[in-house]
Amino acid sequence: MTLTPTGFLNIDSASLEYKWLAPLVPDASTIVMLHEGLGSVGLWNDFPEKLQQATGAGIFVYSRAGYGQSSPATLPRPFDYMQREALDVLPKVLNVIGFRRGLLLGHSDGGSIAAIYAGAHQDHRLQGIALIAPHFVVEDISVTSIAAIKTTYETTDLKAKLARWHKDVDNAFYGWNGAWLDPKFRDWDISEYLAYIRVPVMVVQGVDDQYGTLRQVEIAQEECYCPVDVKVISGAGHSPHRDAPAATLDAIEQFARAALRDDRGLQGRAT
């Protein structure tokens, strides 16, 4: 399909909103951005534009079903919703947009989805994955913080704030929150996929992440056979691209240039 700056993709029965920032150099690679568990196209703010300017790559951002302006998701979400996204939906998205080469950049749930995809698909088009605060296993800190935000959502103006970014805010919130707080979800573990990743990996982790610890980084280093670059950012929480945008952008730009080293267009662009 021909991508317009904004629009919707029809994937199975869902309509998924997207934003497309064309590459600044002809025929350059594409970075596909996968949002967090309460994220959307809009909640990336201006980070896609900054990434486009820093790398010259095309940037494709979309909202998964249940988020942003996309179709609502069926609730409750199954415990393997991230696996389903990576194994069934994301391959269709990449094919529909004509993805030919580039990176996956995922935040939180999006990082987990990127890791599952890379481990499950030996995709010659994929040249690396950049993961911001990914989850590979469920930690106590994750459950505690997710329980706390449920109370916040139901007793403060958080719902109204999130409603600016989600057409059906309850669908977005409870789809994510309900899955993580179910006691059965404590056994969720996607670390098995890491050993099968065959492209470079970068993990960006905030020291003050309220949803995960450096144990997630250690798991990536222990399980991956491919190179794993790590950037730990002090003073940043679960969203380093918002808390420390300059440091996060610099780390991802350097990783992208190394992973996309065969992309002559990007390497020839002045930095």
C-alpha atoms as a PDB file:
ATOM      1  CA  MET A   1       0.000   0.000   0.000  1.00  0.00           C
ATOM      2  CA  THR A   2       1.000   3.627  -0.422  1.00  0.00           C
ATOM      3  CA  LEU A   3       1.500   5.150   2.999  1.00  0.00           C
ATOM      4  CA  THR A   4       0.078   8.590   3.717  1.00  0.00           C
ATOM      5  CA  PRO A   5       1.320  10.703   6.668  1.00  0.00           C
ATOM      6  CA  THR A   6      -1.612   9.439   8.776  1.00  0.00           C
ATOM      7  CA  GLY A   7      -4.249   6.818   8.199  1.00  0.00           C
ATOM      8  CA  PHE A   8      -5.585   3.400   9.122  1.00  0.00           C
ATOM      9  CA  LEU A   9      -4.512  -0.153   8.317  1.00  0.00           C
ATOM     10  CA  ASN A  10      -7.098  -2.912   8.003  1.00  0.00           C
ATOM     11  CA  ILE A  11      -5.623  -5.989   9.669  1.00  0.00           C
ATOM     12  CA  ASP A  12      -8.087  -8.869   9.929  1.00  0.00           C
ATOM     13  CA  SER A  13     -11.170  -7.282  11.528  1.00  0.00           C
ATOM     14  CA  ALA A  14      -9.297  -4.379  13.147  1.00  0.00           C
ATOM     15  CA  SER A  15      -8.677  -0.864  11.930  1.00  0.00           C
ATOM     16  CA  LEU A  16      -5.308   0.351  13.232  1.00  0.00           C
ATOM     17  CA  GLU A  17      -4.319   4.010  13.229  1.00  0.00           C
ATOM     18  CA  TYR A  18      -0.822   4.866  12.031  1.00  0.00           C
ATOM     19  CA  LYS A  19       1.585   7.705  11.392  1.00  0.00           C
ATOM     20  CA  TRP A  20       4.236   7.580   8.681  1.00  0.00           C
ATOM     21  CA  LEU A  21       7.293   9.828   8.542  1.00  0.00           C
ATOM     22  CA  ALA A  22       8.981   9.307   5.197  1.00  0.00           C
ATOM     23  CA  PRO A  23      12.756   8.791   5.162  1.00  0.00           C
ATOM     24  CA  LEU A  24      14.913  11.874   4.712  1.00  0.00           C
ATOM     25  CA  VAL A  25      17.136  10.057   2.229  1.00  0.00           C
ATOM     26  CA  PRO A  26      15.849   8.037  -0.728  1.00  0.00           C
ATOM     27  CA  ASP A  27      15.222   4.329  -0.220  1.00  0.00           C
ATOM     28  CA  ALA A  28      16.390   4.400   3.399  1.00  0.00           C
ATOM     29  CA  SER A  29      15.519   1.825   6.042  1.00  0.00           C
ATOM     30  CA  THR A  30      12.394   1.961   8.196  1.00  0.00           C
ATOM     31  CA  ILE A  31      12.097   1.963  11.984  1.00  0.00           C
ATOM     32  CA  VAL A  32       8.791   0.494  13.170  1.00  0.00           C
ATOM     33  CA  MET A  33       7.796   1.754  16.630  1.00  0.00           C
ATOM     34  CA  LEU A  34       5.751  -0.400  19.032  1.00  0.00           C
ATOM     35  CA  HIS A  35       4.152   1.401  21.972  1.00  0.00           C
ATOM     36  CA  GLU A  36       3.804   0.543  25.661  1.00  0.00           C
ATOM     37  CA  GLY A  37       0.869  -1.085  27.455  1.00  0.00           C
ATOM     38  CA  LEU A  38      -0.991   2.226  27.778  1.00  0.00           C
ATOM     39  CA  GLY A  39       0.541   3.876  24.728  1.00  0.00           C
ATOM     40  CA  SER A  40      -0.606   4.917  21.282  1.00  0.00           C
ATOM     41  CA  VAL A  41       0.624   6.808  18.248  1.00  0.00           C
ATOM     42  CA  GLY A  42       0.028  10.116  20.008  1.00  0.00           C
ATOM     43  CA  LEU A  43       1.679   9.172  23.278  1.00  0.00           C
ATOM     44  CA  TRP A  44       5.072   8.892  21.582  1.00  0.00           C
ATOM     45  CA  ASN A  45       4.793  12.705  21.409  1.00  0.00           C
ATOM     46  CA  ASP A  46       7.574  14.112  19.203  1.00  0.00           C
ATOM     47  CA  PHE A  47      10.009  11.231  19.654  1.00  0.00           C
ATOM     48  CA  PRO A  48       9.266   9.777  16.178  1.00  0.00           C
ATOM     49  CA  GLU A  49      10.112  13.118  14.568  1.00  0.00           C
ATOM     50  CA  LYS A  50      13.322  13.390  16.573  1.00  0.00           C
ATOM     51  CA  LEU A  51      14.266   9.863  15.555  1.00  0.00           C
ATOM     52  CA  GLN A  52      13.600  10.630  11.911  1.00  0.00           C
ATOM     53  CA  GLN A  53      15.782  13.723  12.052  1.00  0.00           C
ATOM     54  CA  ALA A  54      18.572  11.899  13.902  1.00  0.00           C
ATOM     55  CA  THR A  55      18.726   8.837  11.654  1.00  0.00           C
ATOM     56  CA  GLY A  56      17.201   9.864   8.342  1.00  0.00           C
ATOM     57  CA  ALA A  57      15.179   6.648   8.389  1.00  0.00           C
ATOM     58  CA  GLY A  58      11.496   6.306   7.660  1.00  0.00           C
ATOM     59  CA  ILE A  59       9.475   6.020  10.874  1.00  0.00           C
ATOM     60  CA  PHE A  60       6.275   3.971  11.045  1.00  0.00           C
ATOM     61  CA  VAL A  61       4.199   4.183  14.236  1.00  0.00           C
ATOM     62  CA  TYR A  62       0.871   2.478  14.851  1.00  0.00           C
ATOM     63  CA  SER A  63      -1.611   1.893  17.666  1.00  0.00           C
ATOM     64  CA  ARG A  64      -2.466  -1.713  18.420  1.00  0.00           C
ATOM     65  CA  ALA A  65      -6.108  -2.768  18.728  1.00  0.00           C
ATOM     66  CA  GLY A  66      -7.588  -1.303  21.893  1.00  0.00           C
ATOM     67  CA  TYR A  67      -5.375   1.783  21.853  1.00  0.00           C
ATOM     68  CA  GLY A  68      -5.453   5.277  20.433  1.00  0.00           C
ATOM     69  CA  GLN A  69      -7.962   5.618  17.608  1.00  0.00           C
ATOM     70  CA  SER A  70      -7.714   1.953  16.626  1.00  0.00           C
ATOM     71  CA  SER A  71     -10.532  -0.551  16.945  1.00  0.00           C
ATOM     72  CA  PRO A  72     -11.256  -1.742  20.499  1.00  0.00           C
ATOM     73  CA  ALA A  73      -9.850  -5.054  21.686  1.00  0.00           C
ATOM     74  CA  THR A  74     -11.960  -7.926  22.969  1.00  0.00           C
ATOM     75  CA  LEU A  75     -11.683  -8.122  26.757  1.00  0.00           C
ATOM     76  CA  PRO A  76     -10.397  -9.725  28.808  1.00  0.00           C
ATOM     77  CA  ARG A  77      -7.126  -9.905  26.939  1.00  0.00           C
ATOM     78  CA  PRO A  78      -5.641 -13.406  26.856  1.00  0.00           C
ATOM     79  CA  PHE A  79      -2.483 -13.910  28.916  1.00  0.00           C
ATOM     80  CA  ASP A  80      -0.486 -14.480  25.738  1.00  0.00           C
ATOM     81  CA  TYR A  81      -1.672 -11.248  24.114  1.00  0.00           C
ATOM     82  CA  MET A  82       1.888 -10.087  23.441  1.00  0.00           C
ATOM     83  CA  GLN A  83       2.796 -13.390  21.816  1.00  0.00           C
ATOM     84  CA  ARG A  84      -0.317 -13.170  19.643  1.00  0.00           C
ATOM     85  CA  GLU A  85       0.574  -9.641  18.631  1.00  0.00           C
ATOM     86  CA  ALA A  86       4.126 -10.648  17.689  1.00  0.00           C
ATOM     87  CA  LEU A  87       3.280 -13.914  15.960  1.00  0.00           C
ATOM     88  CA  ASP A  88       0.067 -12.997  14.161  1.00  0.00           C
ATOM     89  CA  VAL A  89      -0.588  -9.251  13.914  1.00  0.00           C
ATOM     90  CA  LEU A  90       2.867  -7.690  13.526  1.00  0.00           C
ATOM     91  CA  PRO A  91       3.876  -9.884  10.549  1.00  0.00           C
ATOM     92  CA  LYS A  92       0.726  -8.736   8.736  1.00  0.00           C
ATOM     93  CA  VAL A  93       1.431  -5.088   9.570  1.00  0.00           C
ATOM     94  CA  LEU A  94       4.979  -5.345   8.212  1.00  0.00           C
ATOM     95  CA  ASN A  95       3.786  -7.002   5.018  1.00  0.00           C
ATOM     96  CA  VAL A  96       0.953  -4.527   4.431  1.00  0.00           C
ATOM     97  CA  ILE A  97       3.227  -1.488   4.785  1.00  0.00           C
ATOM     98  CA  GLY A  98       5.835  -3.004   2.476  1.00  0.00           C
ATOM     99  CA  PHE A  99       8.571  -3.261   5.108  1.00  0.00           C
ATOM    100  CA  ARG A 100      11.804  -4.136   3.279  1.00  0.00           C
ATOM    101  CA  ARG A 101      14.541  -3.593   5.861  1.00  0.00           C
ATOM    102  CA  GLY A 102      15.085  -1.834   9.144  1.00  0.00           C
ATOM    103  CA  LEU A 103      14.552  -2.018  12.900  1.00  0.00           C
ATOM    104  CA  LEU A 104      11.846  -2.632  15.454  1.00  0.00           C
ATOM    105  CA  LEU A 105      11.810  -0.134  18.329  1.00  0.00           C
ATOM    106  CA  GLY A 106       9.552  -1.167  21.201  1.00  0.00           C
ATOM    107  CA  HIS A 107       8.714   0.346  24.580  1.00  0.00           C
ATOM    108  CA  SER A 108       7.603  -1.848  27.521  1.00  0.00           C
ATOM    109  CA  ASP A 109       4.927  -4.204  26.079  1.00  0.00           C
ATOM    110  CA  GLY A 110       6.112  -3.072  22.650  1.00  0.00           C
ATOM    111  CA  GLY A 111       9.659  -4.101  23.539  1.00  0.00           C
ATOM    112  CA  SER A 112       8.456  -7.523  24.595  1.00  0.00           C
ATOM    113  CA  ILE A 113       6.538  -7.854  21.309  1.00  0.00           C
ATOM    114  CA  ALA A 114       9.640  -6.865  19.320  1.00  0.00           C
ATOM    115  CA  ALA A 115      11.746  -9.473  21.144  1.00  0.00           C
ATOM    116  CA  ILE A 116       9.171 -12.216  20.555  1.00  0.00           C
ATOM    117  CA  TYR A 117       8.955 -11.317  16.870  1.00  0.00           C
ATOM    118  CA  ALA A 118      12.726 -11.356  16.409  1.00  0.00           C
ATOM    119  CA  GLY A 119      13.058 -14.685  18.209  1.00  0.00           C
ATOM    120  CA  ALA A 120      10.191 -16.358  16.385  1.00  0.00           C
ATOM    121  CA  HIS A 121      10.896 -15.100  12.856  1.00  0.00           C
ATOM    122  CA  GLN A 122      14.200 -15.390  11.046  1.00  0.00           C
ATOM    123  CA  ASP A 123      13.212 -12.325   9.035  1.00  0.00           C
ATOM    124  CA  HIS A 124      15.954 -11.259   6.620  1.00  0.00           C
ATOM    125  CA  ARG A 125      14.428  -7.764   6.523  1.00  0.00           C
ATOM    126  CA  LEU A 126      15.057  -7.188  10.216  1.00  0.00           C
ATOM    127  CA  GLN A 127      18.467  -5.729  11.061  1.00  0.00           C
ATOM    128  CA  GLY A 128      18.100  -5.097  14.782  1.00  0.00           C
ATOM    129  CA  ILE A 129      15.724  -4.455  17.669  1.00  0.00           C
ATOM    130  CA  ALA A 130      15.877  -1.603  20.169  1.00  0.00           C
ATOM    131  CA  LEU A 131      13.985  -2.263  23.407  1.00  0.00           C
ATOM    132  CA  ILE A 132      13.052   0.474  25.880  1.00  0.00           C
ATOM    133  CA  ALA A 133      12.180  -0.935  29.337  1.00  0.00           C
ATOM    134  CA  PRO A 134      11.122  -4.346  28.012  1.00  0.00           C
ATOM    135  CA  HIS A 135       9.629  -7.143  30.116  1.00  0.00           C
ATOM    136  CA  PHE A 136      10.757 -10.744  29.689  1.00  0.00           C
ATOM    137  CA  VAL A 137       9.338 -12.022  32.991  1.00  0.00           C
ATOM    138  CA  VAL A 138       6.910 -10.646  35.585  1.00  0.00           C
ATOM    139  CA  GLU A 139       8.545  -9.056  38.634  1.00  0.00           C
ATOM    140  CA  ASP A 140       7.007  -8.135  41.991  1.00  0.00           C
ATOM    141  CA  ILE A 141       7.669  -4.452  41.297  1.00  0.00           C
ATOM    142  CA  SER A 142       5.630  -4.715  38.093  1.00  0.00           C
ATOM    143  CA  VAL A 143       2.571  -6.141  39.826  1.00  0.00           C
ATOM    144  CA  THR A 144       2.790  -3.690  42.728  1.00  0.00           C
ATOM    145  CA  SER A 145       2.992  -0.660  40.441  1.00  0.00           C
ATOM    146  CA  ILE A 146       0.266  -1.918  38.110  1.00  0.00           C
ATOM    147  CA  ALA A 147      -2.049  -2.483  41.086  1.00  0.00           C
ATOM    148  CA  ALA A 148      -1.299   1.038  42.305  1.00  0.00           C
ATOM    149  CA  ILE A 149      -2.055   2.635  38.950  1.00  0.00           C
ATOM    150  CA  LYS A 150      -5.450   0.892  38.895  1.00  0.00           C
ATOM    151  CA  THR A 151      -6.346   2.767  42.071  1.00  0.00           C
ATOM    152  CA  THR A 152      -4.996   5.971  40.588  1.00  0.00           C
ATOM    153  CA  TYR A 153      -7.028   5.468  37.411  1.00  0.00           C
ATOM    154  CA  GLU A 154     -10.230   4.971  39.388  1.00  0.00           C
ATOM    155  CA  THR A 155      -9.775   7.759  41.957  1.00  0.00           C
ATOM    156  CA  THR A 156      -7.962  10.628  40.201  1.00  0.00           C
ATOM    157  CA  ASP A 157      -8.010  12.490  36.892  1.00  0.00           C
ATOM    158  CA  LEU A 158      -5.702   9.943  35.224  1.00  0.00           C
ATOM    159  CA  LYS A 159      -8.636   8.517  33.271  1.00  0.00           C
ATOM    160  CA  ALA A 160      -9.450  11.950  31.854  1.00  0.00           C
ATOM    161  CA  LYS A 161      -5.814  12.512  30.906  1.00  0.00           C
ATOM    162  CA  LEU A 162      -5.563   9.161  29.125  1.00  0.00           C
ATOM    163  CA  ALA A 163      -8.882   9.775  27.379  1.00  0.00           C
ATOM    164  CA  ARG A 164      -7.124  12.454  25.320  1.00  0.00           C
ATOM    165  CA  TRP A 165      -5.136   9.684  23.664  1.00  0.00           C
ATOM    166  CA  HIS A 166      -7.550   6.728  23.520  1.00  0.00           C
ATOM    167  CA  LYS A 167     -10.936   6.564  21.804  1.00  0.00           C
ATOM    168  CA  ASP A 168     -12.093   3.924  24.332  1.00  0.00           C
ATOM    169  CA  VAL A 169      -9.983   4.631  27.390  1.00  0.00           C
ATOM    170  CA  ASP A 170     -11.506   1.890  29.558  1.00  0.00           C
ATOM    171  CA  ASN A 171     -10.799  -0.665  26.846  1.00  0.00           C
ATOM    172  CA  ALA A 172      -7.178   0.463  26.706  1.00  0.00           C
ATOM    173  CA  PHE A 173      -6.649   0.581  30.451  1.00  0.00           C
ATOM    174  CA  TYR A 174      -8.482  -2.496  31.672  1.00  0.00           C
ATOM    175  CA  GLY A 175      -7.279  -4.632  28.771  1.00  0.00           C
ATOM    176  CA  TRP A 176      -3.702  -4.075  29.896  1.00  0.00           C
ATOM    177  CA  ASN A 177      -4.223  -3.733  33.642  1.00  0.00           C
ATOM    178  CA  GLY A 178      -6.543  -6.716  33.947  1.00  0.00           C
ATOM    179  CA  ALA A 179      -4.154  -9.098  32.247  1.00  0.00           C
ATOM    180  CA  TRP A 180      -1.162  -8.094  34.356  1.00  0.00           C
ATOM    181  CA  LEU A 181      -3.059  -8.268  37.645  1.00  0.00           C
ATOM    182  CA  ASP A 182      -4.528 -11.726  37.090  1.00  0.00           C
ATOM    183  CA  PRO A 183      -2.619 -14.127  39.415  1.00  0.00           C
ATOM    184  CA  LYS A 184      -2.142 -16.548  36.504  1.00  0.00           C
ATOM    185  CA  PHE A 185      -0.133 -13.912  34.652  1.00  0.00           C
ATOM    186  CA  ARG A 186       2.680 -14.260  37.195  1.00  0.00           C
ATOM    187  CA  ASP A 187       3.925 -17.256  35.186  1.00  0.00           C
ATOM    188  CA  TRP A 188       4.229 -15.213  31.973  1.00  0.00           C
ATOM    189  CA  ASP A 189       7.783 -15.633  30.660  1.00  0.00           C
ATOM    190  CA  ILE A 190       9.052 -14.915  27.129  1.00  0.00           C
ATOM    191  CA  SER A 191      12.762 -15.390  27.806  1.00  0.00           C
ATOM    192  CA  GLU A 192      12.776 -18.547  25.661  1.00  0.00           C
ATOM    193  CA  TYR A 193      12.515 -16.395  22.544  1.00  0.00           C
ATOM    194  CA  LEU A 194      15.725 -14.507  23.284  1.00  0.00           C
ATOM    195  CA  ALA A 195      18.071 -17.368  22.420  1.00  0.00           C
ATOM    196  CA  TYR A 196      16.693 -17.432  18.875  1.00  0.00           C
ATOM    197  CA  ILE A 197      17.235 -13.771  18.059  1.00  0.00           C
ATOM    198  CA  ARG A 198      19.796 -13.421  15.289  1.00  0.00           C
ATOM    199  CA  VAL A 199      20.085  -9.643  15.021  1.00  0.00           C
ATOM    200  CA  PRO A 200      21.754  -7.041  17.278  1.00  0.00           C
ATOM    201  CA  VAL A 201      19.771  -5.982  20.340  1.00  0.00           C
ATOM    202  CA  MET A 202      19.813  -2.759  22.324  1.00  0.00           C
ATOM    203  CA  VAL A 203      18.175  -2.413  25.736  1.00  0.00           C
ATOM    204  CA  VAL A 204      17.550   1.049  27.204  1.00  0.00           C
ATOM    205  CA  GLN A 205      16.609   0.926  30.880  1.00  0.00           C
ATOM    206  CA  GLY A 206      15.845   3.692  33.362  1.00  0.00           C
ATOM    207  CA  VAL A 207      17.413   3.278  36.797  1.00  0.00           C
ATOM    208  CA  ASP A 208      14.192   4.434  38.468  1.00  0.00           C
ATOM    209  CA  ASP A 209      11.809   2.285  36.409  1.00  0.00           C
ATOM    210  CA  GLN A 210       8.768   1.648  38.584  1.00  0.00           C
ATOM    211  CA  TYR A 211       7.649  -1.322  36.468  1.00  0.00           C
ATOM    212  CA  GLY A 212      10.848  -3.331  36.154  1.00  0.00           C
ATOM    213  CA  THR A 213      14.401  -3.719  37.404  1.00  0.00           C
ATOM    214  CA  LEU A 214      17.803  -4.321  35.887  1.00  0.00           C
ATOM    215  CA  ARG A 215      16.943  -8.022  36.106  1.00  0.00           C
ATOM    216  CA  GLN A 216      15.252  -7.593  32.735  1.00  0.00           C
ATOM    217  CA  VAL A 217      18.555  -6.378  31.272  1.00  0.00           C
ATOM    218  CA  GLU A 218      20.412  -9.287  32.864  1.00  0.00           C
ATOM    219  CA  ILE A 219      17.996 -11.767  31.307  1.00  0.00           C
ATOM    220  CA  ALA A 220      18.657 -10.325  27.858  1.00  0.00           C
ATOM    221  CA  GLN A 221      22.415 -10.570  28.418  1.00  0.00           C
ATOM    222  CA  GLU A 222      22.147 -14.129  29.738  1.00  0.00           C
ATOM    223  CA  GLU A 223      19.781 -15.534  27.113  1.00  0.00           C
ATOM    224  CA  CYS A 224      20.752 -13.771  23.885  1.00  0.00           C
ATOM    225  CA  TYR A 225      23.547 -15.192  21.749  1.00  0.00           C
ATOM    226  CA  CYS A 226      23.563 -12.092  19.563  1.00  0.00           C
ATOM    227  CA  PRO A 227      25.226  -8.809  20.585  1.00  0.00           C
ATOM    228  CA  VAL A 228      23.346  -6.916  23.309  1.00  0.00           C
ATOM    229  CA  ASP A 229      24.094  -3.228  23.814  1.00  0.00           C
ATOM    230  CA  VAL A 230      22.830  -1.770  27.082  1.00  0.00           C
ATOM    231  CA  LYS A 231      22.199   1.850  28.021  1.00  0.00           C
ATOM    232  CA  VAL A 232      21.203   2.398  31.652  1.00  0.00           C
ATOM    233  CA  ILE A 233      19.971   5.946  32.209  1.00  0.00           C
ATOM    234  CA  SER A 234      20.056   7.504  35.664  1.00  0.00           C
ATOM    235  CA  GLY A 235      17.205   9.800  36.603  1.00  0.00           C
ATOM    236  CA  ALA A 236      14.839   8.034  34.186  1.00  0.00           C
ATOM    237  CA  GLY A 237      11.838   5.885  35.030  1.00  0.00           C
ATOM    238  CA  HIS A 238       9.793   3.554  32.853  1.00  0.00           C
ATOM    239  CA  SER A 239       9.811   5.966  29.899  1.00  0.00           C
ATOM    240  CA  PRO A 240      13.396   7.111  29.300  1.00  0.00           C
ATOM    241  CA  HIS A 241      12.412   8.663  25.963  1.00  0.00           C
ATOM    242  CA  ARG A 242      10.241  11.090  27.953  1.00  0.00           C
ATOM    243  CA  ASP A 243      12.338  11.414  31.122  1.00  0.00           C
ATOM    244  CA  ALA A 244      15.725  11.675  29.391  1.00  0.00           C
ATOM    245  CA  PRO A 245      14.982  12.192  25.683  1.00  0.00           C
ATOM    246  CA  ALA A 246      18.432  13.377  24.647  1.00  0.00           C
ATOM    247  CA  ALA A 247      20.287  10.437  26.190  1.00  0.00           C
ATOM    248  CA  THR A 248      17.730   7.944  24.900  1.00  0.00           C
ATOM    249  CA  LEU A 249      17.743   9.383  21.394  1.00  0.00           C
ATOM    250  CA  ASP A 250      21.548   9.393  21.292  1.00  0.00           C
ATOM    251  CA  ALA A 251      21.727   5.739  22.341  1.00  0.00           C
ATOM    252  CA  ILE A 252      19.148   4.630  19.792  1.00  0.00           C
ATOM    253  CA  GLU A 253      20.691   6.728  17.022  1.00  0.00           C
ATOM    254  CA  GLN A 254      24.108   5.155  17.598  1.00  0.00           C
ATOM    255  CA  PHE A 255      22.592   1.677  17.679  1.00  0.00           C
ATOM    256  CA  ALA A 256      20.570   2.331  14.514  1.00  0.00           C
ATOM    257  CA  ARG A 257      23.592   3.563  12.596  1.00  0.00           C
ATOM    258  CA  ALA A 258      25.597   0.488  13.593  1.00  0.00           C
ATOM    259  CA  ALA A 259      22.766  -1.956  12.877  1.00  0.00           C
ATOM    260  CA  LEU A 260      21.962  -0.273   9.569  1.00  0.00           C
ATOM    261  CA  ARG A 261      25.594   0.091   8.542  1.00  0.00           C
ATOM    262  CA  ASP A 262      24.901  -1.350   5.094  1.00  0.00           C
ATOM    263  CA  ASP A 263      22.315   1.330   4.388  1.00  0.00           C
ATOM    264  CA  ARG A 264      24.415   3.654   2.270  1.00  0.00           C
ATOM    265  CA  GLY A 265      21.782   6.369   2.283  1.00  0.00           C
ATOM    266  CA  LEU A 266      21.758   6.687   6.060  1.00  0.00           C
ATOM    267  CA  GLN A 267      25.498   6.347   6.471  1.00  0.00           C
ATOM    268  CA  GLY A 268      26.088   9.022   3.867  1.00  0.00           C
ATOM    269  CA  ARG A 269      23.805  11.510   5.594  1.00  0.00           C
ATOM    270  CA  ALA A 270      25.534  14.205   7.614  1.00  0.00           C
ATOM    271  CA  THR A 271      24.978  13.943  11.361  1.00  0.00           C
END
